[in-house]
Protein backbone atom coordinates (compact mmCIF):
# COMPACT_ATOMS: atom_id res chain seq x y z
CA ALA A 1 54.17 -23.42 62.15
CA LEU A 2 55.33 -19.83 61.69
CA VAL A 3 56.86 -19.28 65.13
CA LEU A 4 58.10 -22.70 66.28
CA GLY A 5 58.12 -24.71 63.04
CA ARG A 6 55.45 -27.21 64.10
CA ARG A 7 53.19 -28.15 61.17
CA ASN A 8 51.53 -31.30 62.55
CA SER A 9 48.06 -29.80 62.93
CA LEU A 10 47.92 -28.19 59.46
CA ASN A 11 45.40 -29.57 56.99
CA PRO A 12 47.28 -31.81 54.46
CA GLU A 13 45.29 -30.32 51.56
CA ILE A 14 46.45 -26.82 52.52
CA VAL A 15 50.05 -28.00 52.79
CA THR A 16 49.80 -29.64 49.34
CA ALA A 17 48.33 -26.46 47.83
CA PHE A 18 51.21 -24.40 49.21
CA GLN A 19 53.75 -26.91 47.87
CA GLN A 20 52.22 -26.98 44.38
CA THR A 21 52.37 -23.19 44.13
CA ASN A 22 55.98 -23.13 45.46
CA LEU A 23 54.80 -21.12 48.48
CA ALA A 24 55.45 -23.69 51.21
CA HIS A 25 57.98 -21.32 52.77
CA PHE A 26 55.06 -19.16 53.95
CA ILE A 27 53.84 -21.91 56.30
CA SER A 28 57.21 -23.19 57.43
CA LEU A 29 59.85 -21.85 59.71
CA SER A 30 62.53 -20.34 57.52
CA GLY A 31 65.58 -18.15 57.59
CA MET A 32 63.35 -15.13 57.15
CA HIS A 33 61.94 -15.66 60.64
CA VAL A 34 65.42 -15.67 62.19
CA GLY A 35 66.26 -12.58 60.15
CA ILE A 36 63.14 -10.78 61.36
CA LEU A 37 63.92 -11.75 64.96
CA ALA A 38 67.55 -10.61 64.71
CA GLY A 39 66.71 -7.43 62.80
CA SER A 40 63.86 -6.43 65.11
CA LEU A 41 65.93 -7.04 68.23
CA TRP A 42 68.88 -5.12 66.77
CA PHE A 43 66.59 -2.18 65.90
CA LEU A 44 64.99 -2.13 69.37
CA LEU A 45 68.34 -2.26 71.14
CA ARG A 46 69.73 0.48 68.90
CA THR A 47 66.64 2.61 69.60
CA ALA A 48 67.29 2.07 73.31
CA GLN A 49 70.85 3.37 72.66
CA ILE A 50 72.54 0.15 73.77
CA PRO A 51 76.24 0.16 72.69
CA LYS A 52 76.95 -1.81 69.51
CA ARG A 53 79.05 -4.58 71.07
CA LEU A 54 76.58 -5.19 73.91
CA ARG A 55 73.80 -5.17 71.31
CA ALA A 56 75.62 -7.90 69.41
CA VAL A 57 76.08 -10.02 72.55
CA LEU A 58 72.38 -9.74 73.48
CA CYS A 59 71.31 -10.66 69.94
CA ILE A 60 73.65 -13.68 69.92
CA VAL A 61 72.15 -14.93 73.21
CA VAL A 62 68.56 -14.55 71.92
CA ILE A 63 69.30 -16.17 68.54
CA LEU A 64 71.11 -19.12 70.12
CA THR A 65 68.22 -19.59 72.56
CA TYR A 66 65.70 -19.50 69.70
CA SER A 67 67.78 -22.00 67.68
CA MET A 68 67.57 -24.47 70.58
CA ILE A 69 63.75 -24.20 70.73
CA VAL A 70 62.91 -24.67 67.04
CA PRO A 71 63.62 -27.74 64.86
CA ALA A 72 67.19 -27.74 63.51
CA ARG A 73 66.26 -27.56 59.82
CA ALA A 74 68.66 -26.29 57.17
CA PRO A 75 66.93 -22.94 56.40
CA THR A 76 66.71 -22.02 60.07
CA MET A 77 70.28 -23.09 60.87
CA ARG A 78 71.60 -21.26 57.82
CA ALA A 79 70.02 -18.04 59.03
CA VAL A 80 71.22 -18.67 62.59
CA PHE A 81 74.83 -19.03 61.44
CA LEU A 82 74.55 -16.06 59.06
CA SER A 83 73.24 -13.93 61.93
CA LEU A 84 75.91 -15.18 64.33
CA PHE A 85 78.71 -14.45 61.87
CA PHE A 86 77.33 -10.98 61.23
CA LEU A 87 77.06 -10.26 64.95
CA ALA A 88 80.54 -11.68 65.56
CA SER A 89 81.88 -9.24 62.94
CA CYS A 90 80.31 -6.40 64.97
CA LEU A 91 82.05 -7.68 68.10
CA LEU A 92 85.41 -7.94 66.31
CA HIS A 93 84.98 -4.70 64.32
CA ARG A 94 85.39 -6.55 61.03
CA ARG A 95 83.72 -5.72 57.74
CA ILE A 96 81.44 -8.49 56.51
CA HIS A 97 81.07 -9.83 52.96
CA PRO A 98 77.70 -11.55 52.27
CA LEU A 99 79.05 -14.27 49.92
CA ASN A 100 81.85 -15.17 52.33
CA THR A 101 79.37 -15.32 55.20
CA LEU A 102 77.04 -17.59 53.21
CA ALA A 103 79.95 -19.86 52.25
CA LEU A 104 81.16 -20.01 55.85
CA SER A 105 77.65 -20.93 57.02
CA ALA A 106 77.50 -23.71 54.41
CA ILE A 107 80.90 -25.06 55.46
CA VAL A 108 79.99 -25.10 59.17
CA LEU A 109 76.64 -26.81 58.54
CA LEU A 110 78.25 -29.42 56.26
CA LEU A 111 80.96 -30.11 58.82
CA LEU A 112 78.24 -30.75 61.41
CA ARG A 113 75.96 -32.74 59.07
CA PRO A 114 77.59 -33.59 55.69
CA TYR A 115 74.56 -35.56 54.47
CA GLU A 116 72.52 -32.32 54.43
CA LEU A 117 74.15 -31.50 51.09
CA PHE A 118 71.71 -33.96 49.48
CA SER A 119 68.68 -32.57 51.31
CA ILE A 120 66.21 -30.57 49.24
CA GLY A 121 65.71 -28.12 52.12
CA TRP A 122 69.45 -27.44 52.37
CA GLN A 123 69.82 -26.99 48.62
CA LEU A 124 66.82 -24.66 48.28
CA SER A 125 67.80 -22.64 51.34
CA PHE A 126 71.34 -21.89 50.23
CA LEU A 127 70.56 -21.52 46.53
CA SER A 128 67.76 -19.03 47.16
CA VAL A 129 70.04 -16.81 49.25
CA LEU A 130 72.84 -17.21 46.70
CA GLY A 131 70.40 -16.19 43.95
CA ILE A 132 69.41 -13.07 45.87
CA LEU A 133 73.04 -12.12 46.50
CA LEU A 134 74.12 -12.66 42.87
CA LEU A 135 71.05 -11.76 40.81
CA TYR A 136 69.03 -9.22 42.82
CA CYS A 137 70.90 -6.14 41.55
CA PRO A 138 70.76 -7.06 37.82
CA VAL A 139 67.09 -8.11 38.04
CA ARG A 140 66.22 -4.94 39.97
CA TYR A 141 68.02 -2.82 37.38
CA GLN A 142 66.05 -4.44 34.55
CA LEU A 143 62.71 -4.01 36.34
CA LEU A 144 63.38 -0.37 37.11
CA ASP A 145 64.72 0.33 33.62
CA LYS A 146 61.93 -1.44 31.71
CA LEU A 147 58.92 -0.81 33.98
CA PHE A 148 59.42 1.82 36.67
CA PHE A 149 61.13 4.69 34.87
CA PRO A 150 58.99 4.56 31.68
CA LEU A 151 55.83 4.51 33.81
CA ILE A 152 57.04 7.40 35.97
CA PHE A 153 57.90 9.35 32.81
CA LEU A 154 54.36 8.79 31.53
CA LEU A 155 52.87 9.94 34.83
CA ASN A 156 54.97 13.11 34.57
CA SER A 157 56.14 13.04 38.23
CA ARG A 158 52.61 12.91 39.63
CA PHE A 159 51.28 10.48 42.24
CA SER A 160 54.45 10.46 44.39
CA ARG A 161 52.91 7.95 46.84
CA PHE A 162 52.16 5.60 43.96
CA GLN A 163 55.77 5.94 42.81
CA HIS A 164 57.10 4.92 46.24
CA LEU A 165 54.66 2.00 46.42
CA LEU A 166 55.54 0.79 42.92
CA TYR A 167 59.25 1.11 43.64
CA GLY A 168 58.91 -1.00 46.79
CA ILE A 169 56.83 -3.63 44.99
CA LEU A 170 59.37 -3.91 42.17
CA GLU A 171 62.22 -4.29 44.66
CA LEU A 172 60.39 -7.15 46.41
CA PHE A 173 59.56 -8.66 43.02
CA ALA A 174 63.26 -8.51 42.10
CA VAL A 175 64.13 -10.47 45.26
CA GLY A 176 61.52 -13.12 44.38
CA ILE A 177 62.72 -13.43 40.76
CA ALA A 178 66.38 -13.66 41.80
CA ALA A 179 65.64 -16.48 44.26
CA TRP A 180 63.32 -18.29 41.84
CA ILE A 181 65.87 -18.28 38.98
CA MET A 182 68.34 -20.10 41.20
CA VAL A 183 65.94 -22.64 42.76
CA ALA A 184 63.79 -23.42 39.69
CA PRO A 185 66.20 -26.08 38.30
CA VAL A 186 66.33 -27.81 41.70
CA MET A 187 62.52 -27.76 41.92
CA LEU A 188 62.29 -29.29 38.45
CA TYR A 189 64.84 -31.97 39.34
CA HIS A 190 63.27 -33.00 42.66
CA PHE A 191 59.55 -32.42 42.00
CA GLY A 192 59.26 -32.36 38.20
CA GLN A 193 57.57 -28.95 38.32
CA THR A 194 58.21 -25.31 39.07
CA ASN A 195 55.85 -22.38 39.11
CA PRO A 196 57.10 -19.25 37.24
CA LEU A 197 54.39 -17.21 38.99
CA SER A 198 55.78 -17.91 42.48
CA PRO A 199 57.89 -14.69 42.51
CA LEU A 200 54.70 -12.74 41.81
CA TRP A 201 52.73 -14.55 44.53
């Protein structure tokens, strides 16, 4: 399920539990997996001191190969196209803009399969990334301003490891909140429920 997107052998009760808690993305192949693959490969090739353009070509080959192995679902294909556009910008020495890249990925996918616009997977996939791009910074600012800095002030600069851990947790929490804000209305519309605790989980 996590590597190749095959969920046939999963217990239906477990799948239902993940869906009810809005955590089904943990047991399904998603854009995050493509991102981890692309990011890890990029890091390894950079560590091996492979030139940037050759690095981009190798990553494109691996990502395209992976996209042919896994099911062509909207979240996976979105991430594939996002990665390909990013890598193409490296080849062409062009600066990339995240919102433009997301919009271009949406346009390409809709040109290939226009009916996907009405698919819940397509809507959730693109809206969650859009939420992160638009709302992550403001949510992060509020969390740091209201929680992190007052707590650090109380601790009087002690427990530096705790500070780094808390900072990292709040950043991840900000990503979860930003995505949830954008997808919660869609979840309510399609399923009649949404779980406000899903960013915390």
